[in-house]
Protein backbone atom coordinates (compact mmCIF):
# COMPACT_ATOMS: atom_id res chain seq x y z
CA MET A 1 79.63 5.38 -23.79
CA LEU A 2 76.45 5.68 -21.93
CA SER A 3 73.41 4.92 -23.76
CA ARG A 4 70.56 7.58 -23.79
CA ARG A 5 67.07 6.31 -22.75
CA ARG A 6 64.61 6.46 -25.66
CA PRO A 7 61.63 8.47 -24.79
CA ARG A 8 58.24 6.43 -24.67
CA SER A 9 55.79 6.78 -27.39
CA LEU A 10 52.32 8.42 -27.10
CA GLY A 11 50.43 5.21 -26.93
CA ALA A 12 52.75 3.70 -24.30
CA ARG A 13 52.37 6.85 -22.24
CA ALA A 14 48.63 6.79 -22.60
CA PHE A 15 48.44 3.18 -21.65
CA ALA A 16 50.59 3.58 -18.47
CA LEU A 17 48.43 6.62 -17.43
CA ALA A 18 45.08 4.75 -18.20
CA GLY A 19 46.46 1.91 -16.13
CA GLY A 20 47.12 4.08 -13.20
CA VAL A 21 43.58 5.46 -13.49
CA ALA A 22 42.06 2.12 -13.48
CA ILE A 23 44.09 1.26 -10.31
CA GLY A 24 42.76 4.14 -8.67
CA VAL A 25 39.26 3.44 -9.74
CA LEU A 26 39.57 -0.15 -8.65
CA ALA A 27 40.65 1.19 -5.22
CA LEU A 28 37.58 3.54 -5.15
CA ALA A 29 35.24 0.40 -6.07
CA GLY A 30 36.82 -1.41 -3.02
CA CYS A 31 35.67 1.66 -1.00
CA SER A 32 31.96 1.17 -2.20
CA THR A 33 32.02 4.40 -4.05
CA VAL A 34 30.52 2.90 -7.42
CA PRO A 35 27.07 4.38 -7.64
CA SER A 36 24.29 1.97 -6.86
CA PRO A 37 20.53 2.28 -6.00
CA GLY A 38 21.18 0.25 -2.75
CA PRO A 39 22.92 -2.61 -1.34
CA SER A 40 24.06 -5.63 -3.27
CA ARG A 41 22.60 -9.15 -2.76
CA ASN A 42 25.67 -10.43 -0.88
CA ALA A 43 25.62 -7.31 1.31
CA VAL A 44 21.91 -8.03 2.39
CA ILE A 45 22.48 -11.78 2.92
CA ASP A 46 25.69 -11.12 4.80
CA GLN A 47 24.16 -8.74 7.37
CA GLY A 48 21.10 -10.69 7.58
CA SER A 49 23.05 -13.99 8.54
CA GLN A 50 24.88 -12.24 11.38
CA ALA A 51 24.09 -13.28 15.14
CA ASN A 52 22.92 -9.69 15.79
CA ALA A 53 21.35 -9.06 12.60
CA PRO A 54 18.86 -6.08 12.54
CA TYR A 55 16.39 -8.05 10.33
CA LEU A 56 15.21 -11.64 9.89
CA LEU A 57 16.26 -12.96 6.38
CA VAL A 58 13.56 -15.53 4.98
CA PRO A 59 13.85 -17.22 1.59
CA ILE A 60 10.49 -17.36 -0.11
CA SER A 61 9.91 -21.07 -0.13
CA ASP A 62 6.74 -23.40 0.09
CA PHE A 63 7.36 -23.24 3.83
CA ALA A 64 7.06 -19.57 4.10
CA ILE A 65 4.15 -19.55 1.79
CA GLN A 66 2.34 -21.95 3.89
CA ARG A 67 3.19 -20.15 7.06
CA LEU A 68 1.85 -16.98 5.77
CA SER A 69 -1.47 -18.66 4.60
CA ARG A 70 -2.28 -19.57 8.06
CA PHE A 71 -2.61 -15.75 8.93
CA PRO A 72 -5.13 -14.56 6.37
CA GLY A 73 -5.74 -11.33 8.07
CA PRO A 74 -8.86 -9.75 9.67
CA SER A 75 -12.21 -11.36 9.25
CA LEU A 76 -15.62 -10.05 10.24
CA TYR A 77 -16.90 -13.71 10.37
CA GLY A 78 -14.10 -14.85 12.40
CA LYS A 79 -14.39 -11.96 14.90
CA PHE A 80 -17.94 -11.48 15.30
CA GLY A 81 -19.72 -14.54 13.90
CA ASP A 82 -22.83 -14.73 11.70
CA TYR A 83 -25.31 -13.02 14.18
CA ARG A 84 -28.84 -13.44 13.13
CA PRO A 85 -31.38 -11.09 14.45
CA ALA A 86 -34.46 -12.09 16.48
CA LEU A 87 -37.67 -13.17 14.84
CA GLU A 88 -39.50 -10.43 16.43
CA GLN A 89 -38.36 -6.92 16.74
CA THR A 90 -38.47 -5.16 20.14
CA VAL A 91 -38.90 -1.70 21.25
CA GLY A 92 -36.03 0.14 22.94
CA VAL A 93 -35.11 3.60 24.51
CA GLY A 94 -35.27 6.42 21.95
CA ASP A 95 -37.87 4.64 19.74
CA THR A 96 -40.89 6.48 18.82
CA LEU A 97 -44.22 4.92 19.02
CA THR A 98 -47.82 5.75 17.80
CA VAL A 99 -50.71 4.32 19.98
CA THR A 100 -54.14 4.18 18.54
CA ILE A 101 -57.11 3.12 20.81
CA PHE A 102 -60.35 1.71 19.74
CA GLU A 103 -63.58 1.60 21.67
CA ALA A 104 -66.80 -0.52 20.85
CA ALA A 105 -69.17 2.27 21.39
CA GLY A 106 -69.32 6.17 21.34
CA GLY A 107 -69.40 8.11 24.39
CA GLY A 108 -66.14 6.52 25.86
CA LEU A 109 -63.06 7.67 27.16
CA PHE A 110 -61.36 7.96 23.65
CA SER A 111 -64.52 8.51 21.48
CA GLN A 112 -66.60 11.40 20.63
CA PRO A 113 -69.90 11.68 22.30
CA VAL A 114 -73.12 10.67 20.70
CA SER A 115 -74.80 13.66 19.17
CA SER A 116 -78.60 14.57 19.35
CA ASP A 117 -79.09 13.37 15.71
CA GLN A 118 -78.44 9.79 17.07
CA GLN A 119 -75.05 9.47 15.36
CA THR A 120 -72.78 6.93 16.97
CA GLY A 121 -69.69 9.38 16.91
CA SER A 122 -66.01 8.31 16.26
CA HIS A 123 -64.77 5.13 18.23
CA THR A 124 -61.04 5.74 17.82
CA ALA A 125 -58.32 7.93 19.17
CA GLU A 126 -54.74 8.38 17.98
CA LEU A 127 -52.45 9.49 20.64
CA PRO A 128 -49.58 11.91 20.02
CA GLN A 129 -46.41 10.05 19.03
CA GLN A 130 -44.20 9.30 22.09
CA VAL A 131 -40.46 8.77 22.47
CA VAL A 132 -39.55 5.95 24.86
CA GLN A 133 -37.98 7.63 27.68
CA GLN A 134 -34.83 6.62 29.45
CA ASP A 135 -36.71 4.48 32.05
CA GLY A 136 -38.08 2.55 28.99
CA SER A 137 -41.72 3.74 29.35
CA ILE A 138 -44.42 5.94 27.67
CA THR A 139 -47.59 7.58 29.00
CA VAL A 140 -51.20 6.37 27.97
CA PRO A 141 -54.08 8.46 29.29
CA TYR A 142 -56.08 6.58 31.98
CA ALA A 143 -53.41 3.75 31.81
CA GLY A 144 -50.57 5.55 33.29
CA ARG A 145 -46.86 4.89 32.60
CA VAL A 146 -46.50 1.74 30.55
CA ASN A 147 -43.17 -0.10 30.46
CA VAL A 148 -42.16 -1.02 26.82
CA ASP A 149 -38.50 -1.33 26.72
CA GLY A 150 -37.49 -4.81 25.37
CA LYS A 151 -41.05 -5.66 24.43
CA THR A 152 -42.75 -6.33 21.01
CA THR A 153 -45.56 -4.27 19.81
CA PRO A 154 -48.13 -6.97 20.38
CA GLN A 155 -46.83 -7.37 24.04
CA ILE A 156 -47.35 -3.47 24.48
CA GLU A 157 -50.86 -3.68 23.03
CA LYS A 158 -51.92 -6.34 25.44
CA GLU A 159 -50.60 -4.47 28.38
CA ILE A 160 -52.40 -1.21 27.52
CA VAL A 161 -55.63 -3.19 26.79
CA ALA A 162 -55.21 -4.70 30.30
CA LYS A 163 -54.65 -1.44 31.93
CA LEU A 164 -57.74 0.24 30.15
CA THR A 165 -60.22 -2.48 30.80
CA GLY A 166 -63.12 -1.43 33.01
CA LYS A 167 -62.38 2.17 31.99
CA ALA A 168 -62.85 2.41 28.27
CA ILE A 169 -65.56 0.63 26.36
CA GLU A 170 -64.18 -2.76 25.38
CA PRO A 171 -60.96 -1.18 24.36
CA GLN A 172 -58.64 -2.42 21.58
CA VAL A 173 -55.11 -1.03 21.05
CA VAL A 174 -52.79 -0.87 17.95
CA VAL A 175 -49.24 0.15 18.59
CA SER A 176 -46.78 1.05 15.60
CA LEU A 177 -43.06 1.87 15.62
CA SER A 178 -42.84 5.18 13.91
CA LYS A 179 -39.14 5.76 14.48
CA ASN A 180 -36.65 3.08 15.04
CA VAL A 181 -33.62 4.11 16.94
CA ALA A 182 -32.81 1.41 19.32
CA THR A 183 -32.54 -1.18 16.59
CA SER A 184 -30.51 0.83 13.95
CA ALA A 185 -26.99 0.98 12.76
CA THR A 186 -25.01 4.10 11.97
CA VAL A 187 -23.18 4.35 8.49
CA THR A 188 -20.56 7.02 7.95
CA GLY A 189 -17.68 7.82 5.80
CA GLU A 190 -17.31 7.49 1.93
CA VAL A 191 -21.05 7.14 1.51
CA ASN A 192 -23.39 9.15 -0.51
CA SER A 193 -25.78 9.70 2.50
CA ALA A 194 -24.54 9.11 5.95
CA ALA A 195 -27.42 8.33 8.31
CA ARG A 196 -28.69 6.08 11.19
CA VAL A 197 -30.36 3.28 9.41
CA PRO A 198 -33.27 1.30 11.04
CA LEU A 199 -32.88 -2.51 10.82
CA SER A 200 -35.73 -4.38 9.76
CA ALA A 201 -37.28 -7.43 11.66
CA ARG A 202 -36.09 -9.74 8.76
CA GLY A 203 -32.44 -8.79 9.27
CA ASP A 204 -30.12 -6.63 7.28
CA ARG A 205 -26.54 -7.46 6.16
CA LEU A 206 -23.82 -5.04 5.91
CA LEU A 207 -24.00 -4.33 2.22
CA ASP A 208 -27.94 -3.98 2.65
CA VAL A 209 -27.11 -1.31 5.36
CA ILE A 210 -24.63 0.41 3.18
CA ALA A 211 -27.12 0.45 0.33
CA ASP A 212 -29.73 2.06 2.37
CA ALA A 213 -27.07 4.90 2.96
CA GLY A 214 -26.77 5.57 -0.65
CA GLY A 215 -23.81 3.24 -1.34
CA ILE A 216 -20.17 4.10 -1.38
CA ARG A 217 -18.65 7.13 -3.13
CA ALA A 218 -14.93 5.80 -3.42
CA PRO A 219 -14.04 3.24 -5.91
CA ALA A 220 -14.61 -0.41 -4.57
CA TYR A 221 -10.88 -1.46 -5.04
CA GLU A 222 -9.84 1.45 -2.59
CA SER A 223 -12.66 1.14 -0.12
CA PHE A 224 -12.53 -0.64 3.42
CA ILE A 225 -15.12 -1.46 5.86
CA ASP A 226 -14.53 -0.42 9.59
CA LEU A 227 -17.20 -2.36 11.84
CA MET A 228 -17.08 -1.12 15.41
CA ARG A 229 -19.30 -3.50 17.62
CA GLY A 230 -18.96 -3.86 21.41
CA GLY A 231 -15.81 -1.81 21.58
CA LYS A 232 -14.05 -3.62 19.05
CA THR A 233 -13.27 -2.55 15.33
CA VAL A 234 -12.32 -4.68 12.43
CA ARG A 235 -11.18 -3.53 9.06
CA VAL A 236 -11.75 -5.62 5.88
CA PRO A 237 -11.76 -4.59 2.12
CA TYR A 238 -15.16 -3.66 0.69
CA GLN A 239 -14.40 -6.23 -2.07
CA THR A 240 -14.10 -8.96 0.53
CA LEU A 241 -17.74 -8.55 1.35
CA ILE A 242 -18.54 -9.05 -2.35
CA ASN A 243 -16.21 -11.96 -3.12
CA THR A 244 -16.62 -13.86 0.19
CA PRO A 245 -20.45 -13.92 1.07
CA LYS A 246 -19.81 -15.13 4.61
CA GLU A 247 -17.96 -11.87 5.36
CA ASN A 248 -21.16 -9.99 4.80
CA ILE A 249 -22.49 -10.58 8.09
CA TYR A 250 -25.84 -9.34 9.69
CA ALA A 251 -25.78 -5.88 11.09
CA ARG A 252 -26.64 -5.62 14.82
CA PRO A 253 -28.32 -2.72 16.76
CA GLY A 254 -25.68 -0.31 17.79
CA ASP A 255 -23.25 -1.16 15.06
CA THR A 256 -21.05 1.75 13.43
CA ILE A 257 -20.20 1.11 9.83
CA THR A 258 -17.53 3.51 8.50
CA VAL A 259 -16.56 3.34 4.81
CA VAL A 260 -12.81 4.47 4.53
CA ARG A 261 -10.97 5.30 1.24
CA TYR A 262 -7.41 3.84 1.69
CA PRO A 263 -5.34 3.12 -1.51
CA LEU A 264 -2.92 0.41 -0.86
CA THR A 265 0.64 0.86 -2.16
CA PHE A 266 3.90 -0.73 -2.50
CA THR A 267 7.23 0.84 -3.19
CA ALA A 268 9.51 -0.51 -6.11
CA VAL A 269 13.13 0.36 -6.00
CA GLY A 270 16.26 -0.80 -7.54
CA ALA A 271 16.75 -2.42 -10.77
CA THR A 272 13.32 -2.26 -11.92
CA LEU A 273 12.26 -0.34 -14.94
CA TYR A 274 9.67 1.64 -12.96
CA ASN A 275 10.81 2.95 -9.56
CA ALA A 276 7.87 4.47 -7.89
CA VAL A 277 5.18 4.16 -5.20
CA VAL A 278 2.47 1.78 -7.03
CA GLN A 279 -1.07 1.51 -6.11
CA PHE A 280 -2.99 -1.86 -6.01
CA ASP A 281 -6.35 -3.21 -5.31
CA ALA A 282 -7.79 -3.79 -1.74
CA VAL A 283 -8.24 -7.36 -2.36
CA GLY A 284 -4.39 -7.88 -2.89
CA ILE A 285 -1.80 -8.48 -5.23
CA SER A 286 0.96 -11.20 -5.72
CA LEU A 287 4.61 -10.60 -6.10
CA GLU A 288 4.68 -11.56 -9.63
CA GLU A 289 1.80 -8.99 -10.39
CA ALA A 290 3.81 -6.44 -8.29
CA ILE A 291 7.00 -6.97 -10.51
CA GLY A 292 4.84 -6.61 -13.54
CA LYS A 293 3.40 -3.36 -12.12
CA ALA A 294 6.98 -2.14 -11.87
CA GLN A 295 7.55 -3.17 -15.53
CA GLY A 296 9.79 -6.05 -14.68
CA LEU A 297 13.55 -6.29 -14.02
CA VAL A 298 16.12 -4.26 -16.22
CA ASP A 299 18.06 -6.93 -18.04
CA GLU A 300 21.37 -5.01 -18.11
CA ARG A 301 21.18 -4.06 -14.38
CA ALA A 302 19.12 -6.45 -12.45
CA ASP A 303 20.50 -9.38 -10.49
CA PRO A 304 17.62 -12.06 -10.75
CA GLU A 305 19.09 -13.80 -7.54
CA GLY A 306 18.60 -10.69 -5.48
CA VAL A 307 14.89 -9.80 -5.46
CA PHE A 308 13.80 -8.72 -2.06
CA VAL A 309 10.41 -7.95 -0.31
CA LEU A 310 10.73 -5.84 2.94
CA ARG A 311 8.05 -5.60 5.61
CA TYR A 312 7.09 -5.76 9.22
CA GLU A 313 5.50 -8.95 10.31
CA PRO A 314 3.68 -9.64 13.51
CA VAL A 315 5.89 -11.58 15.93
CA ALA A 316 3.41 -14.42 15.77
CA ILE A 317 4.39 -15.10 12.10
CA ALA A 318 8.01 -14.28 12.52
CA ARG A 319 8.38 -16.83 15.44
CA GLY A 320 7.64 -19.66 13.02
CA TYR A 321 10.80 -18.85 10.79
CA PRO A 322 14.07 -20.32 11.56
CA GLY A 323 16.79 -18.09 12.73
CA ILE A 324 15.01 -15.57 14.57
CA THR A 325 17.01 -13.98 17.34
CA PRO A 326 15.92 -13.24 20.76
CA ALA A 327 15.90 -9.68 20.22
CA GLN A 328 13.83 -9.93 17.30
CA ALA A 329 11.40 -12.23 19.03
CA ALA A 330 10.85 -9.64 21.77
CA LEU A 331 9.35 -7.20 19.38
CA ASN A 332 5.62 -6.72 18.39
CA LEU A 333 6.47 -6.19 14.66
CA VAL A 334 9.53 -7.89 13.14
CA PRO A 335 11.49 -6.37 10.34
CA VAL A 336 11.61 -9.41 7.79
CA VAL A 337 13.41 -9.45 4.51
CA TYR A 338 12.04 -11.98 2.16
CA LEU A 339 14.42 -13.31 -0.68
CA ILE A 340 13.52 -15.00 -3.86
CA ASN A 341 15.76 -16.13 -6.64
CA MET A 342 14.09 -15.56 -10.01
CA ARG A 343 16.54 -17.71 -11.91
CA GLU A 344 14.81 -20.74 -10.59
CA PRO A 345 11.69 -21.66 -12.57
CA GLN A 346 9.77 -22.68 -9.54
CA SER A 347 10.31 -19.14 -8.15
CA LEU A 348 7.99 -17.90 -10.77
CA PHE A 349 5.03 -20.03 -9.14
CA ARG A 350 6.07 -19.04 -5.69
CA ALA A 351 5.96 -15.56 -6.71
CA ARG A 352 2.31 -15.90 -7.81
CA ARG A 353 1.45 -17.33 -4.45
CA PHE A 354 3.31 -14.75 -2.41
CA ALA A 355 1.07 -11.92 -1.29
CA VAL A 356 2.31 -8.31 -1.36
CA HIS A 357 1.00 -6.34 1.60
CA ASP A 358 0.52 -2.56 2.02
CA LYS A 359 3.50 -0.54 2.41
CA ASP A 360 5.86 -3.34 1.30
CA ILE A 361 9.19 -2.51 -0.34
CA ILE A 362 10.25 -4.50 -3.39
CA TYR A 363 14.00 -4.08 -3.84
CA VAL A 364 15.93 -5.59 -6.80
CA SER A 365 19.75 -5.44 -6.37
CA ASN A 366 22.31 -4.66 -9.04
CA SER A 367 24.04 -7.48 -10.82
CA PRO A 368 27.80 -7.60 -10.09
CA PHE A 369 28.51 -7.23 -13.92
CA SER A 370 26.35 -4.11 -13.73
CA ASP A 371 28.70 -2.43 -11.14
CA LEU A 372 31.70 -3.75 -13.39
CA GLN A 373 30.21 -1.89 -16.40
CA LYS A 374 29.97 1.35 -14.41
CA LEU A 375 33.64 0.74 -13.25
CA PHE A 376 34.73 0.50 -17.00
CA ASN A 377 32.52 3.43 -17.87
CA LEU A 378 34.08 5.37 -15.05
CA VAL A 379 37.59 4.37 -16.31
CA SER A 380 36.72 5.46 -19.93
CA ALA A 381 35.34 8.75 -18.82
CA LEU A 382 38.70 9.44 -16.76
CA GLU A 383 40.81 8.21 -19.55
CA ALA A 384 39.51 10.27 -22.51
CA PRO A 385 40.60 13.61 -21.09
CA VAL A 386 44.13 12.24 -20.53
CA GLY A 387 44.58 10.79 -23.95
CA GLN A 388 43.12 13.87 -25.50
CA GLY A 389 45.68 15.89 -23.52
CA LEU A 390 48.71 13.57 -24.71
CA VAL A 391 47.51 13.82 -28.28
CA ALA A 392 47.27 17.72 -28.10
CA GLN A 393 50.84 17.72 -26.49
CA GLN A 394 52.25 15.61 -29.35
CA ILE A 395 50.54 17.80 -32.07
CA ILE A 396 52.01 21.05 -30.43
CA ARG A 397 55.40 19.28 -30.23
CA SER A 398 55.29 18.17 -33.95
CA ASN A 399 54.25 21.78 -35.01
CA THR A 400 57.13 23.16 -32.98
CA ILE A 401 59.75 20.58 -34.53
CA ASN A 402 58.22 21.43 -38.12
CA SER A 403 58.64 25.11 -37.67
CA ALA A 404 62.12 24.90 -36.51
CA SER A 405 63.06 22.66 -39.52
CA GLY A 406 61.60 25.22 -41.91
CA VAL A 407 63.72 28.00 -40.61
CA ILE A 408 67.02 25.91 -40.81
CA SER A 409 66.20 25.04 -44.41
CA ALA A 410 65.81 28.62 -45.39
CA GLN A 411 69.20 29.70 -43.99
CA ALA A 412 71.15 26.74 -45.46
CA PRO A 413 71.91 28.25 -49.09
CA ALA A 414 73.22 31.57 -47.89
CA GLN A 415 75.88 29.99 -45.70
CA ALA A 416 77.03 27.46 -48.46
CA ALA A 417 77.96 30.16 -51.26
CA PRO A 418 81.42 31.17 -49.80
CA SER A 419 82.54 27.61 -49.55
CA THR A 420 83.02 27.29 -53.38
CA PRO A 421 86.40 28.74 -54.48
CA VAL A 422 86.53 30.86 -57.72
CA VAL A 423 89.35 29.90 -59.93
CA PRO A 424 90.76 32.91 -62.01
CA ALA A 425 91.47 32.44 -65.77
CA ALA A 426 95.08 31.78 -66.57
CA ALA A 427 97.31 34.78 -68.26
CA PRO A 428 98.23 34.12 -71.95
CA ALA A 429 101.82 32.83 -72.42
CA ALA A 430 104.55 35.25 -73.73
CA GLN A 431 105.55 34.81 -77.38
């Protein structure tokens, strides 16, 4: 006899179907379709280790930190030096001068005539203010054109006296600088009162000149100073002038000082609790502080061995790293991916010494176990409807069987009655 195959139970069928679903999901996982905020740690390292890698992969080590410390960034002192003004202030084109001439007696060229009542009259005369012309000279009556460009006020006084001697009565001259234009600096940008600020003879540092313009309007931690001098411009944080006194150099005539409000930011993405563009102070921030501003790594998601900092480095810095390719060395700015393993205790100290720059990207990859957990969740999500459908099918089948059994039970007594024969009573015997 041929044995009939027994139908599988509900649990066996659900298990077999779930297994098929799991195999399909595993196949999808192999195709990199598991949701993820970015590449895995191994993917970043593998691609960065190729011969034609699109970026330079650099571990954050003591060597890398020392290498970066050799390039501290722009410096006003390093670019322009500590210029100190001359001990005496000179006159230049555009300045406004006031000339006052004294004579020893009345009746001279610049004094009132003696009146009939024997009054001596005024012995002084103040000339109208004069602007130094393009040829560097001013006009003094009876002295003609006087060259004043590049001279101090005492030198100008002596020259005017020499030209008036023999014409005026024992002349004496006082020259004062009414409006200083030639020895001034221009302050613009985020200040309360942009102006051309005259520089004093004692010398004025950058913070002095900015204070004369009313001070800055923006917060100090968001402000930068652009100093343009001699066709060159250098930008430094405003706080650098306060924290590093040697950066607060002397202003020079013709300087243009612009205060710029420029908030610095980095972007935190991946397995950090806070994914966003985060602002930080102009004086800088360390990697340890940046991770703290992103509220740390997510325990159930983050891979502590996959913390990356992405930025463009000047080729002068990148050339000192091993593994740089010829194609990367030919660039002005080299894409660099810094890697740090936060499982190592010394990495915490390195993170404190590693500076985060403006527009850096801090990326934390997902842990492999996080991807596995997502896979299991996906399996559970796909298995639940299948199991529910099998249970519903079993319930419907059971209800159908129970209904059929009830009908058969109700018809069984009517069919059984004729099967019992009725025996008639026996006739009485004849007597």
